Amino acid sequence: WNTAVQERMRALVRALEERALLDPRPGRTADEAAAEAARP
């Protein structure tokens, strides 16, 4: 479950980048991704 949770969170953020709801940015943390995704 630990690895599954990490991979699913990465899938979620990558999907938002693929939809252009997040700008692809190396070095982004999970907290930053959540704050940026909460805007749209």
PDB file of all heavy atoms in Angstrom:
ATOM      1  N   TRP A   1       0.809  -1.221   0.000  1.00  0.00           N
ATOM      2  CA  TRP A   1       0.000   0.000   0.000  1.00  0.00           C
ATOM      3  C   TRP A   1       0.839   1.266   0.000  1.00  0.00           C
ATOM      4  O   TRP A   1       0.432   2.280  -0.580  1.00  0.00           O
ATOM      5  CB  TRP A   1      -0.949  -0.013   1.195  1.00  0.00           C
ATOM      6  CG  TRP A   1      -1.862  -1.189   1.196  1.00  0.00           C
ATOM      7  CD1 TRP A   1      -1.917  -2.200   2.096  1.00  0.00           C
ATOM      8  CD2 TRP A   1      -2.855  -1.503   0.198  1.00  0.00           C
ATOM      9  NE1 TRP A   1      -2.874  -3.125   1.735  1.00  0.00           N
ATOM     10  CE2 TRP A   1      -3.466  -2.716   0.581  1.00  0.00           C
ATOM     11  CE3 TRP A   1      -3.278  -0.887  -0.973  1.00  0.00           C
ATOM     12  CZ2 TRP A   1      -4.476  -3.323  -0.160  1.00  0.00           C
ATOM     13  CZ3 TRP A   1      -4.280  -1.490  -1.727  1.00  0.00           C
ATOM     14  CH2 TRP A   1      -4.873  -2.678  -1.321  1.00  0.00           C
ATOM     15  N   ASN A   2       1.979   1.266   0.649  1.00  0.00           N
ATOM     16  CA  ASN A   2       2.816   2.473   0.649  1.00  0.00           C
ATOM     17  C   ASN A   2       3.206   2.873  -0.767  1.00  0.00           C
ATOM     18  O   ASN A   2       3.043   4.036  -1.173  1.00  0.00           O
ATOM     19  CB  ASN A   2       4.079   2.234   1.477  1.00  0.00           C
ATOM     20  CG  ASN A   2       3.838   2.391   2.961  1.00  0.00           C
ATOM     21  OD1 ASN A   2       2.697   2.293   3.422  1.00  0.00           O
ATOM     22  ND2 ASN A   2       4.887   2.618   3.716  1.00  0.00           N
ATOM     23  N   THR A   3       3.727   1.920  -1.535  1.00  0.00           N
ATOM     24  CA  THR A   3       4.144   2.221  -2.902  1.00  0.00           C
ATOM     25  C   THR A   3       2.938   2.512  -3.781  1.00  0.00           C
ATOM     26  O   THR A   3       3.001   3.383  -4.672  1.00  0.00           O
ATOM     27  CB  THR A   3       4.945   1.042  -3.479  1.00  0.00           C
ATOM     28  OG1 THR A   3       5.963   0.666  -2.550  1.00  0.00           O
ATOM     29  CG2 THR A   3       5.602   1.420  -4.793  1.00  0.00           C
ATOM     30  N   ALA A   4       1.839   1.802  -3.546  1.00  0.00           N
ATOM     31  CA  ALA A   4       0.630   2.033  -4.342  1.00  0.00           C
ATOM     32  C   ALA A   4       0.121   3.458  -4.154  1.00  0.00           C
ATOM     33  O   ALA A   4      -0.279   4.118  -5.124  1.00  0.00           O
ATOM     34  CB  ALA A   4      -0.444   1.015  -3.951  1.00  0.00           C
ATOM     35  N   VAL A   5       0.145   3.943  -2.925  1.00  0.00           N
ATOM     36  CA  VAL A   5      -0.315   5.315  -2.653  1.00  0.00           C
ATOM     37  C   VAL A   5       0.580   6.324  -3.358  1.00  0.00           C
ATOM     38  O   VAL A   5       0.106   7.294  -3.978  1.00  0.00           O
ATOM     39  CB  VAL A   5      -0.336   5.563  -1.130  1.00  0.00           C
ATOM     40  CG1 VAL A   5      -0.409   7.057  -0.825  1.00  0.00           C
ATOM     41  CG2 VAL A   5      -1.514   4.848  -0.498  1.00  0.00           C
ATOM     42  N   GLN A   6       1.883   6.124  -3.290  1.00  0.00           N
ATOM     43  CA  GLN A   6       2.795   7.067  -3.932  1.00  0.00           C
ATOM     44  C   GLN A   6       2.594   7.097  -5.445  1.00  0.00           C
ATOM     45  O   GLN A   6       2.558   8.180  -6.062  1.00  0.00           O
ATOM     46  CB  GLN A   6       4.231   6.693  -3.589  1.00  0.00           C
ATOM     47  CG  GLN A   6       4.553   6.820  -2.107  1.00  0.00           C
ATOM     48  CD  GLN A   6       5.948   6.331  -1.765  1.00  0.00           C
ATOM     49  OE1 GLN A   6       6.944   6.863  -2.256  1.00  0.00           O
ATOM     50  NE2 GLN A   6       6.048   5.299  -0.946  1.00  0.00           N
ATOM     51  N   GLU A   7       2.463   5.925  -6.049  1.00  0.00           N
ATOM     52  CA  GLU A   7       2.284   5.870  -7.500  1.00  0.00           C
ATOM     53  C   GLU A   7       0.950   6.477  -7.919  1.00  0.00           C
ATOM     54  O   GLU A   7       0.862   7.140  -8.955  1.00  0.00           O
ATOM     55  CB  GLU A   7       2.394   4.425  -7.986  1.00  0.00           C
ATOM     56  CG  GLU A   7       3.806   3.879  -7.995  1.00  0.00           C
ATOM     57  CD  GLU A   7       4.718   4.650  -8.938  1.00  0.00           C
ATOM     58  OE1 GLU A   7       4.271   5.033 -10.050  1.00  0.00           O
ATOM     59  OE2 GLU A   7       5.879   4.891  -8.584  1.00  0.00           O
ATOM     60  N   ARG A   8      -0.090   6.267  -7.120  1.00  0.00           N
ATOM     61  CA  ARG A   8      -1.395   6.827  -7.495  1.00  0.00           C
ATOM     62  C   ARG A   8      -1.392   8.349  -7.375  1.00  0.00           C
ATOM     63  O   ARG A   8      -2.034   9.043  -8.175  1.00  0.00           O
ATOM     64  CB  ARG A   8      -2.491   6.222  -6.627  1.00  0.00           C
ATOM     65  CG  ARG A   8      -3.886   6.455  -7.183  1.00  0.00           C
ATOM     66  CD  ARG A   8      -4.100   5.719  -8.490  1.00  0.00           C
ATOM     67  NE  ARG A   8      -5.311   6.117  -9.170  1.00  0.00           N
ATOM     68  CZ  ARG A   8      -6.218   5.252  -9.647  1.00  0.00           C
ATOM     69  NH1 ARG A   8      -6.016   3.941  -9.521  1.00  0.00           N
ATOM     70  NH2 ARG A   8      -7.302   5.675 -10.258  1.00  0.00           N
ATOM     71  N   MET A   9      -0.677   8.878  -6.390  1.00  0.00           N
ATOM     72  CA  MET A   9      -0.576  10.337  -6.283  1.00  0.00           C
ATOM     73  C   MET A   9       0.179  10.894  -7.479  1.00  0.00           C
ATOM     74  O   MET A   9      -0.181  11.943  -8.025  1.00  0.00           O
ATOM     75  CB  MET A   9       0.134  10.715  -4.980  1.00  0.00           C
ATOM     76  CG  MET A   9       0.222  12.225  -4.740  1.00  0.00           C
ATOM     77  SD  MET A   9      -1.411  12.968  -4.523  1.00  0.00           S
ATOM     78  CE  MET A   9      -0.977  14.718  -4.406  1.00  0.00           C
ATOM     79  N   ARG A  10       1.218  10.217  -7.906  1.00  0.00           N
ATOM     80  CA  ARG A  10       1.957  10.668  -9.087  1.00  0.00           C
ATOM     81  C   ARG A  10       1.065  10.595 -10.335  1.00  0.00           C
ATOM     82  O   ARG A  10       1.142  11.465 -11.204  1.00  0.00           O
ATOM     83  CB  ARG A  10       3.206   9.811  -9.261  1.00  0.00           C
ATOM     84  CG  ARG A  10       4.240  10.006  -8.151  1.00  0.00           C
ATOM     85  CD  ARG A  10       5.473   9.172  -8.358  1.00  0.00           C
ATOM     86  NE  ARG A  10       6.449   9.392  -7.286  1.00  0.00           N
ATOM     87  CZ  ARG A  10       6.841   8.485  -6.403  1.00  0.00           C
ATOM     88  NH1 ARG A  10       6.366   7.248  -6.483  1.00  0.00           N
ATOM     89  NH2 ARG A  10       7.705   8.769  -5.458  1.00  0.00           N
ATOM     90  N   ALA A  11       0.244   9.561 -10.420  1.00  0.00           N
ATOM     91  CA  ALA A  11      -0.680   9.448 -11.555  1.00  0.00           C
ATOM     92  C   ALA A  11      -1.651  10.615 -11.568  1.00  0.00           C
ATOM     93  O   ALA A  11      -1.940  11.203 -12.626  1.00  0.00           O
ATOM     94  CB  ALA A  11      -1.445   8.122 -11.477  1.00  0.00           C
ATOM     95  N   LEU A  12      -2.155  10.968 -10.385  1.00  0.00           N
ATOM     96  CA  LEU A  12      -3.119  12.070 -10.291  1.00  0.00           C
ATOM     97  C   LEU A  12      -2.507  13.376 -10.775  1.00  0.00           C
ATOM     98  O   LEU A  12      -3.110  14.104 -11.581  1.00  0.00           O
ATOM     99  CB  LEU A  12      -3.568  12.180  -8.826  1.00  0.00           C
ATOM    100  CG  LEU A  12      -4.636  13.203  -8.444  1.00  0.00           C
ATOM    101  CD1 LEU A  12      -5.333  12.731  -7.169  1.00  0.00           C
ATOM    102  CD2 LEU A  12      -4.037  14.593  -8.180  1.00  0.00           C
ATOM    103  N   VAL A  13      -1.301  13.677 -10.302  1.00  0.00           N
ATOM    104  CA  VAL A  13      -0.657  14.943 -10.682  1.00  0.00           C
ATOM    105  C   VAL A  13      -0.265  14.915 -12.156  1.00  0.00           C
ATOM    106  O   VAL A  13      -0.436  15.905 -12.874  1.00  0.00           O
ATOM    107  CB  VAL A  13       0.569  15.204  -9.786  1.00  0.00           C
ATOM    108  CG1 VAL A  13       1.324  16.441 -10.253  1.00  0.00           C
ATOM    109  CG2 VAL A  13       0.132  15.366  -8.339  1.00  0.00           C
ATOM    110  N   ARG A  14       0.253  13.786 -12.632  1.00  0.00           N
ATOM    111  CA  ARG A  14       0.634  13.699 -14.038  1.00  0.00           C
ATOM    112  C   ARG A  14      -0.577  13.875 -14.942  1.00  0.00           C
ATOM    113  O   ARG A  14      -0.494  14.524 -16.002  1.00  0.00           O
ATOM    114  CB  ARG A  14       1.306  12.360 -14.326  1.00  0.00           C
ATOM    115  CG  ARG A  14       1.834  12.255 -15.748  1.00  0.00           C
ATOM    116  CD  ARG A  14       3.028  13.202 -15.965  1.00  0.00           C
ATOM    117  NE  ARG A  14       4.233  12.659 -15.388  1.00  0.00           N
ATOM    118  CZ  ARG A  14       5.264  13.399 -15.015  1.00  0.00           C
ATOM    119  NH1 ARG A  14       5.241  14.714 -15.147  1.00  0.00           N
ATOM    120  NH2 ARG A  14       6.345  12.837 -14.493  1.00  0.00           N
ATOM    121  N   ALA A  15      -1.735  13.335 -14.529  1.00  0.00           N
ATOM    122  CA  ALA A  15      -2.954  13.489 -15.333  1.00  0.00           C
ATOM    123  C   ALA A  15      -3.356  14.956 -15.433  1.00  0.00           C
ATOM    124  O   ALA A  15      -3.789  15.419 -16.503  1.00  0.00           O
ATOM    125  CB  ALA A  15      -4.083  12.667 -14.725  1.00  0.00           C
ATOM    126  N   LEU A  16      -3.213  15.694 -14.346  1.00  0.00           N
ATOM    127  CA  LEU A  16      -3.540  17.117 -14.385  1.00  0.00           C
ATOM    128  C   LEU A  16      -2.566  17.877 -15.280  1.00  0.00           C
ATOM    129  O   LEU A  16      -2.954  18.846 -15.958  1.00  0.00           O
ATOM    130  CB  LEU A  16      -3.524  17.696 -12.967  1.00  0.00           C
ATOM    131  CG  LEU A  16      -4.585  17.150 -12.009  1.00  0.00           C
ATOM    132  CD1 LEU A  16      -4.401  17.735 -10.610  1.00  0.00           C
ATOM    133  CD2 LEU A  16      -5.991  17.459 -12.523  1.00  0.00           C
ATOM    134  N   GLU A  17      -1.315  17.449 -15.313  1.00  0.00           N
ATOM    135  CA  GLU A  17      -0.360  18.067 -16.227  1.00  0.00           C
ATOM    136  C   GLU A  17      -0.713  17.738 -17.678  1.00  0.00           C
ATOM    137  O   GLU A  17      -0.620  18.606 -18.558  1.00  0.00           O
ATOM    138  CB  GLU A  17       1.055  17.588 -15.908  1.00  0.00           C
ATOM    139  CG  GLU A  17       1.594  18.088 -14.570  1.00  0.00           C
ATOM    140  CD  GLU A  17       2.979  17.551 -14.253  1.00  0.00           C
ATOM    141  OE1 GLU A  17       3.448  16.640 -14.979  1.00  0.00           O
ATOM    142  OE2 GLU A  17       3.603  18.038 -13.296  1.00  0.00           O
ATOM    143  N   GLU A  18      -1.119  16.512 -17.921  1.00  0.00           N
ATOM    144  CA  GLU A  18      -1.481  16.115 -19.285  1.00  0.00           C
ATOM    145  C   GLU A  18      -2.724  16.843 -19.771  1.00  0.00           C
ATOM    146  O   GLU A  18      -2.881  17.064 -20.981  1.00  0.00           O
ATOM    147  CB  GLU A  18      -1.704  14.596 -19.328  1.00  0.00           C
ATOM    148  CG  GLU A  18      -0.426  13.797 -19.136  1.00  0.00           C
ATOM    149  CD  GLU A  18      -0.661  12.305 -18.999  1.00  0.00           C
ATOM    150  OE1 GLU A  18      -1.838  11.898 -18.936  1.00  0.00           O
ATOM    151  OE2 GLU A  18       0.315  11.541 -18.976  1.00  0.00           O
ATOM    152  N   ARG A  19      -3.576  17.247 -18.846  1.00  0.00           N
ATOM    153  CA  ARG A  19      -4.770  18.019 -19.226  1.00  0.00           C
ATOM    154  C   ARG A  19      -4.484  19.522 -19.241  1.00  0.00           C
ATOM    155  O   ARG A  19      -5.392  20.320 -19.475  1.00  0.00           O
ATOM    156  CB  ARG A  19      -5.899  17.729 -18.241  1.00  0.00           C
ATOM    157  CG  ARG A  19      -6.428  16.304 -18.295  1.00  0.00           C
ATOM    158  CD  ARG A  19      -7.454  16.060 -17.197  1.00  0.00           C
ATOM    159  NE  ARG A  19      -8.608  16.947 -17.328  1.00  0.00           N
ATOM    160  CZ  ARG A  19      -9.565  17.061 -16.400  1.00  0.00           C
ATOM    161  NH1 ARG A  19      -9.465  16.372 -15.266  1.00  0.00           N
ATOM    162  NH2 ARG A  19     -10.588  17.858 -16.596  1.00  0.00           N
ATOM    163  N   ALA A  20      -3.259  19.910 -18.966  1.00  0.00           N
ATOM    164  CA  ALA A  20      -2.836  21.318 -18.935  1.00  0.00           C
ATOM    165  C   ALA A  20      -3.497  22.092 -17.803  1.00  0.00           C
ATOM    166  O   ALA A  20      -3.558  23.317 -17.835  1.00  0.00           O
ATOM    167  CB  ALA A  20      -3.118  22.004 -20.274  1.00  0.00           C
ATOM    168  N   LEU A  21      -3.977  21.382 -16.774  1.00  0.00           N
ATOM    169  CA  LEU A  21      -4.481  22.063 -15.583  1.00  0.00           C
ATOM    170  C   LEU A  21      -3.346  22.396 -14.623  1.00  0.00           C
ATOM    171  O   LEU A  21      -3.506  23.239 -13.742  1.00  0.00           O
ATOM    172  CB  LEU A  21      -5.523  21.184 -14.882  1.00  0.00           C
ATOM    173  CG  LEU A  21      -6.781  20.885 -15.716  1.00  0.00           C
ATOM    174  CD1 LEU A  21      -7.737  20.003 -14.936  1.00  0.00           C
ATOM    175  CD2 LEU A  21      -7.463  22.178 -16.142  1.00  0.00           C
ATOM    176  N   LEU A  22      -2.238  21.738 -14.818  1.00  0.00           N
ATOM    177  CA  LEU A  22      -0.997  22.086 -14.125  1.00  0.00           C
ATOM    178  C   LEU A  22       0.097  22.206 -15.170  1.00  0.00           C
ATOM    179  O   LEU A  22       0.148  21.407 -16.107  1.00  0.00           O
ATOM    180  CB  LEU A  22      -0.610  21.014 -13.109  1.00  0.00           C
ATOM    181  CG  LEU A  22      -1.445  20.854 -11.835  1.00  0.00           C
ATOM    182  CD1 LEU A  22      -0.903  19.709 -11.000  1.00  0.00           C
ATOM    183  CD2 LEU A  22      -1.482  22.143 -11.036  1.00  0.00           C
ATOM    184  N   ASP A  23       0.950  23.199 -14.999  1.00  0.00           N
ATOM    185  CA  ASP A  23       2.100  23.310 -15.885  1.00  0.00           C
ATOM    186  C   ASP A  23       3.151  22.288 -15.467  1.00  0.00           C
ATOM    187  O   ASP A  23       3.494  22.203 -14.279  1.00  0.00           O
ATOM    188  CB  ASP A  23       2.707  24.714 -15.804  1.00  0.00           C
ATOM    189  CG  ASP A  23       1.741  25.767 -16.314  1.00  0.00           C
ATOM    190  OD1 ASP A  23       0.962  25.442 -17.238  1.00  0.00           O
ATOM    191  OD2 ASP A  23       1.753  26.885 -15.781  1.00  0.00           O
ATOM    192  N   PRO A  24       3.669  21.483 -16.377  1.00  0.00           N
ATOM    193  CA  PRO A  24       4.728  20.534 -16.014  1.00  0.00           C
ATOM    194  C   PRO A  24       5.918  21.283 -15.416  1.00  0.00           C
ATOM    195  O   PRO A  24       6.430  22.229 -16.021  1.00  0.00           O
ATOM    196  CB  PRO A  24       5.091  19.875 -17.353  1.00  0.00           C
ATOM    197  CG  PRO A  24       3.863  20.050 -18.198  1.00  0.00           C
ATOM    198  CD  PRO A  24       3.271  21.373 -17.792  1.00  0.00           C
ATOM    199  N   ARG A  25       6.308  20.884 -14.230  1.00  0.00           N
ATOM    200  CA  ARG A  25       7.403  21.587 -13.557  1.00  0.00           C
ATOM    201  C   ARG A  25       8.222  20.590 -12.750  1.00  0.00           C
ATOM    202  O   ARG A  25       7.718  20.013 -11.779  1.00  0.00           O
ATOM    203  CB  ARG A  25       6.860  22.680 -12.638  1.00  0.00           C
ATOM    204  CG  ARG A  25       7.933  23.402 -11.847  1.00  0.00           C
ATOM    205  CD  ARG A  25       7.414  24.727 -11.325  1.00  0.00           C
ATOM    206  NE  ARG A  25       6.248  24.597 -10.498  1.00  0.00           N
ATOM    207  CZ  ARG A  25       6.278  24.298  -9.190  1.00  0.00           C
ATOM    208  NH1 ARG A  25       7.440  24.083  -8.593  1.00  0.00           N
ATOM    209  NH2 ARG A  25       5.182  24.234  -8.488  1.00  0.00           N
ATOM    210  N   PRO A  26       9.466  20.362 -13.123  1.00  0.00           N
ATOM    211  CA  PRO A  26      10.325  19.466 -12.338  1.00  0.00           C
ATOM    212  C   PRO A  26      10.512  19.998 -10.923  1.00  0.00           C
ATOM    213  O   PRO A  26      10.593  21.202 -10.697  1.00  0.00           O
ATOM    214  CB  PRO A  26      11.646  19.461 -13.113  1.00  0.00           C
ATOM    215  CG  PRO A  26      11.293  19.933 -14.483  1.00  0.00           C
ATOM    216  CD  PRO A  26      10.148  20.888 -14.311  1.00  0.00           C
ATOM    217  N   GLY A  27      10.578  19.093  -9.983  1.00  0.00           N
ATOM    218  CA  GLY A  27      10.813  19.497  -8.606  1.00  0.00           C
ATOM    219  C   GLY A  27       9.577  19.863  -7.831  1.00  0.00           C
ATOM    220  O   GLY A  27       9.673  20.250  -6.662  1.00  0.00           O
ATOM    221  N   ARG A  28       8.403  19.757  -8.419  1.00  0.00           N
ATOM    222  CA  ARG A  28       7.168  20.100  -7.706  1.00  0.00           C
ATOM    223  C   ARG A  28       6.912  19.081  -6.591  1.00  0.00           C
ATOM    224  O   ARG A  28       7.076  17.886  -6.761  1.00  0.00           O
ATOM    225  CB  ARG A  28       5.988  20.118  -8.677  1.00  0.00           C
ATOM    226  CG  ARG A  28       4.636  20.334  -7.996  1.00  0.00           C
ATOM    227  CD  ARG A  28       3.493  20.195  -8.977  1.00  0.00           C
ATOM    228  NE  ARG A  28       3.290  21.420  -9.744  1.00  0.00           N
ATOM    229  CZ  ARG A  28       3.307  21.482 -11.074  1.00  0.00           C
ATOM    230  NH1 ARG A  28       3.560  20.388 -11.790  1.00  0.00           N
ATOM    231  NH2 ARG A  28       3.083  22.625 -11.693  1.00  0.00           N
ATOM    232  N   THR A  29       6.495  19.568  -5.420  1.00  0.00           N
ATOM    233  CA  THR A  29       6.150  18.682  -4.311  1.00  0.00           C
ATOM    234  C   THR A  29       4.654  18.383  -4.340  1.00  0.00           C
ATOM    235  O   THR A  29       3.882  19.047  -5.043  1.00  0.00           O
ATOM    236  CB  THR A  29       6.505  19.315  -2.958  1.00  0.00           C
ATOM    237  OG1 THR A  29       5.665  20.462  -2.743  1.00  0.00           O
ATOM    238  CG2 THR A  29       7.970  19.729  -2.918  1.00  0.00           C
ATOM    239  N   ALA A  30       4.241  17.404  -3.541  1.00  0.00           N
ATOM    240  CA  ALA A  30       2.831  17.035  -3.488  1.00  0.00           C
ATOM    241  C   ALA A  30       1.994  18.193  -2.944  1.00  0.00           C
ATOM    242  O   ALA A  30       0.884  18.456  -3.438  1.00  0.00           O
ATOM    243  CB  ALA A  30       2.645  15.789  -2.622  1.00  0.00           C
ATOM    244  N   ASP A  31       2.491  18.893  -1.928  1.00  0.00           N
ATOM    245  CA  ASP A  31       1.750  20.028  -1.373  1.00  0.00           C
ATOM    246  C   ASP A  31       1.593  21.145  -2.404  1.00  0.00           C
ATOM    247  O   ASP A  31       0.525  21.769  -2.510  1.00  0.00           O
ATOM    248  CB  ASP A  31       2.471  20.572  -0.138  1.00  0.00           C
ATOM    249  CG  ASP A  31       2.368  19.623   1.049  1.00  0.00           C
ATOM    250  OD1 ASP A  31       1.365  18.890   1.125  1.00  0.00           O
ATOM    251  OD2 ASP A  31       3.285  19.614   1.872  1.00  0.00           O
ATOM    252  N   GLU A  32       2.645  21.409  -3.154  1.00  0.00           N
ATOM    253  CA  GLU A  32       2.562  22.442  -4.189  1.00  0.00           C
ATOM    254  C   GLU A  32       1.576  22.038  -5.280  1.00  0.00           C
ATOM    255  O   GLU A  32       0.787  22.868  -5.759  1.00  0.00           O
ATOM    256  CB  GLU A  32       3.944  22.684  -4.791  1.00  0.00           C
ATOM    257  CG  GLU A  32       4.929  23.333  -3.817  1.00  0.00           C
ATOM    258  CD  GLU A  32       6.353  23.328  -4.348  1.00  0.00           C
ATOM    259  OE1 GLU A  32       6.634  22.587  -5.319  1.00  0.00           O
ATOM    260  OE2 GLU A  32       7.197  24.071  -3.798  1.00  0.00           O
ATOM    261  N   ALA A  33       1.599  20.766  -5.658  1.00  0.00           N
ATOM    262  CA  ALA A  33       0.664  20.295  -6.680  1.00  0.00           C
ATOM    263  C   ALA A  33      -0.772  20.433  -6.210  1.00  0.00           C
ATOM    264  O   ALA A  33      -1.664  20.848  -6.977  1.00  0.00           O
ATOM    265  CB  ALA A  33       0.962  18.842  -7.029  1.00  0.00           C
ATOM    266  N   ALA A  34      -1.030  20.108  -4.953  1.00  0.00           N
ATOM    267  CA  ALA A  34      -2.395  20.216  -4.424  1.00  0.00           C
ATOM    268  C   ALA A  34      -2.851  21.668  -4.398  1.00  0.00           C
ATOM    269  O   ALA A  34      -3.993  21.980  -4.765  1.00  0.00           O
ATOM    270  CB  ALA A  34      -2.440  19.614  -3.021  1.00  0.00           C
ATOM    271  N   ALA A  35      -1.970  22.566  -3.962  1.00  0.00           N
ATOM    272  CA  ALA A  35      -2.345  23.983  -3.906  1.00  0.00           C
ATOM    273  C   ALA A  35      -2.613  24.551  -5.297  1.00  0.00           C
ATOM    274  O   ALA A  35      -3.571  25.317  -5.505  1.00  0.00           O
ATOM    275  CB  ALA A  35      -1.238  24.776  -3.211  1.00  0.00           C
ATOM    276  N   GLU A  36      -1.792  24.168  -6.271  1.00  0.00           N
ATOM    277  CA  GLU A  36      -1.976  24.676  -7.633  1.00  0.00           C
ATOM    278  C   GLU A  36      -3.203  24.064  -8.293  1.00  0.00           C
ATOM    279  O   GLU A  36      -3.931  24.739  -9.026  1.00  0.00           O
ATOM    280  CB  GLU A  36      -0.725  24.385  -8.458  1.00  0.00           C
ATOM    281  CG  GLU A  36       0.514  25.147  -7.966  1.00  0.00           C
ATOM    282  CD  GLU A  36       1.786  24.645  -8.627  1.00  0.00           C
ATOM    283  OE1 GLU A  36       1.696  24.002  -9.685  1.00  0.00           O
ATOM    284  OE2 GLU A  36       2.878  24.891  -8.070  1.00  0.00           O
ATOM    285  N   ALA A  37      -3.467  22.777  -8.044  1.00  0.00           N
ATOM    286  CA  ALA A  37      -4.618  22.121  -8.655  1.00  0.00           C
ATOM    287  C   ALA A  37      -5.927  22.606  -8.048  1.00  0.00           C
ATOM    288  O   ALA A  37      -6.987  22.543  -8.699  1.00  0.00           O
ATOM    289  CB  ALA A  37      -4.506  20.609  -8.492  1.00  0.00           C
ATOM    290  N   ALA A  38      -5.884  23.089  -6.810  1.00  0.00           N
ATOM    291  CA  ALA A  38      -7.102  23.570  -6.166  1.00  0.00           C
ATOM    292  C   ALA A  38      -7.636  24.844  -6.813  1.00  0.00           C
ATOM    293  O   ALA A  38      -8.817  25.170  -6.644  1.00  0.00           O
ATOM    294  CB  ALA A  38      -6.831  23.816  -4.678  1.00  0.00           C
ATOM    295  N   ARG A  39      -6.802  25.554  -7.569  1.00  0.00           N
ATOM    296  CA  ARG A  39      -7.281  26.788  -8.223  1.00  0.00           C
ATOM    297  C   ARG A  39      -8.276  26.490  -9.338  1.00  0.00           C
ATOM    298  O   ARG A  39      -9.373  27.041  -9.340  1.00  0.00           O
ATOM    299  CB  ARG A  39      -6.092  27.601  -8.746  1.00  0.00           C
ATOM    300  CG  ARG A  39      -5.123  28.034  -7.640  1.00  0.00           C
ATOM    301  CD  ARG A  39      -4.051  28.976  -8.174  1.00  0.00           C
ATOM    302  NE  ARG A  39      -3.004  29.200  -7.185  1.00  0.00           N
ATOM    303  CZ  ARG A  39      -1.753  28.819  -7.303  1.00  0.00           C
ATOM    304  NH1 ARG A  39      -1.368  28.206  -8.419  1.00  0.00           N
ATOM    305  NH2 ARG A  39      -0.870  29.058  -6.354  1.00  0.00           N
ATOM    306  N   PRO A  40      -7.942  25.623 -10.285  1.00  0.00           N
ATOM    307  CA  PRO A  40      -8.945  25.319 -11.304  1.00  0.00           C
ATOM    308  C   PRO A  40      -9.980  24.291 -10.835  1.00  0.00           C
ATOM    309  O   PRO A  40     -11.010  24.117 -11.486  1.00  0.00           O
ATOM    310  CB  PRO A  40      -8.109  24.740 -12.457  1.00  0.00           C
ATOM    311  CG  PRO A  40      -6.920  24.160 -11.798  1.00  0.00           C
ATOM    312  CD  PRO A  40      -6.629  25.042 -10.631  1.00  0.00           C
TER     313      PRO A  40
END
